[in-house]
Amino acid sequence: MRPRVPRPRVLLTNAEQRAVLAAARGLRADGFLVGATAEDRGAPGLWSRACAEPFSGAPSISDSGATVEFLEGIVATGRYELLLAGTDEALFAISRHRARLEGAVQLGLPGHEVVAEVFDRTLLARAAGRSGLVSAPSVVCSTPEEAVAAGRALGFPVMLKAVHAVLETDAGIERWKSARVDEEGSLEAALERFPRPLIVERHEPGPVVSFAGVLAGGRLLGAVFSRYLRTWPPEAGSAAFSRTDDPPPGLPESVKALLEEMSWEGLFELEMIERPDGVLLPIDLNPRLYGSLALGIRAGANLPAIWARWLLGKRPEPARAAPGVYYRWGDVDLRHRLRTVRDGRLREARAASRPRRPVAGAYLRLGDPVPFVARVLELADVGRRRLGRKTAARRTAAGHVGAGEQMAAD
């Protein structure tokens, strides 16, 4: 009888995220044993059959010291060979405090200065230019007056972006999303949500495309090119429904050159706008497990397993996602369809409702159904809390009205 070979173990953070659920499923399918952390025990990823060891009660990711202390307690047992971050904030925190973890577990990260720079959008634009890609015209602004002038020069609508997508402040580690501003009158209010300096970038029309993969040892070991067919929010959001496709000629080489310019190695996703003339404009680089990761796995490019095997000293064969595979983030895609119905675009709504095959779901999988149930309960809880806030606001407003009427009567 052959001796039983122990399965390599990978610990994932942020099991609330659909990307982490997808990674757990992909790693388990490739023979790994997976543990995952989350703040709340109702996180969908903790309920997956792919998660052999769930760890709830993780601190808020904004508290980097407490987060790393929680992870340190898990990896100190020596049970895990690898630790992979599920969010930008977790990646930054793990990198920032790596000295407390590296002796017990592999992180697969370049130096912290590289990790910090990969979140710098001005460096992304410069690296894109040196790699044969084109960036949208933009201006770095330090004051509201400069931002208004930039908006006028570039022409509305514009995109507002923090220079550093992730940054450690007195409040902890924070991540800033982009925001679209359609007119000058809305710019001042939008600026209040961003740190200084910030980027004012011309809004480019066109659908979003994604090139994801694994860069290791100077080679693209995994590659997934996809087109976002629907997003949420519709104006500038994440993939609600997408499809794999063959990448345009020369794009893999350009993406590889861009990553090498930024000294990045490992998992990544580069999001781009495809202009009507076919030019691709990089808009964001995600250096970790990304939202629609399940699509690549379903299409034959198991990116988390490829990267994990590389870090463990294996030499995985390069994998490229097959074209024609779909991805659906069910509840978000439903919101998109409801929006089209509300706007009177019934033909578009009917087309969006047609089933597609083969398809990777963000949560739903027949052989692993509990994460979908956990997601439904999660959304129901969010709905209850929103309803509670609205009810409290109405009662407060009614109380003020009643008090005013009483004062008038007196």
Foldseek 3Di string as FASTA:
>chain_A
DDDDDDAAEEEEEALLALLLLLLLVLQVVVRHAYEYEHADCLRLSNQWPSHPHYHYNADDLLALVSNVVVVLVVLVVLRHAEYFYDALSNLLSCLVPVVSPVVRYDYPFDHNVLSQVQQFVVLLQVLLVVLVAHAFDKDWDFDPVVLLVRCVVLDPFKKKFARGQWDQDPSGIDGDDIDTDGDSVCSVVVCVVYHPGIMIGRDADAWKKKWWAFADPLDGQEIWIKTQPAAVVRVDHDRQKMWTDDDDPPVVSSVSSSCVSSVDGTTKMWMWGQHPVRHTHTDHMDNHRDRQQNQQSVQWGSHSNCRVCVVVVHHDHRTYGDTDEMEHADVRLVVVLVVCVVVVVVVVSVVSPDDGPPYGYSQDDPVTHSSVVSVVVVVVVVVVVVVVVVVVVVVVVVVVVVVVVVVVVD
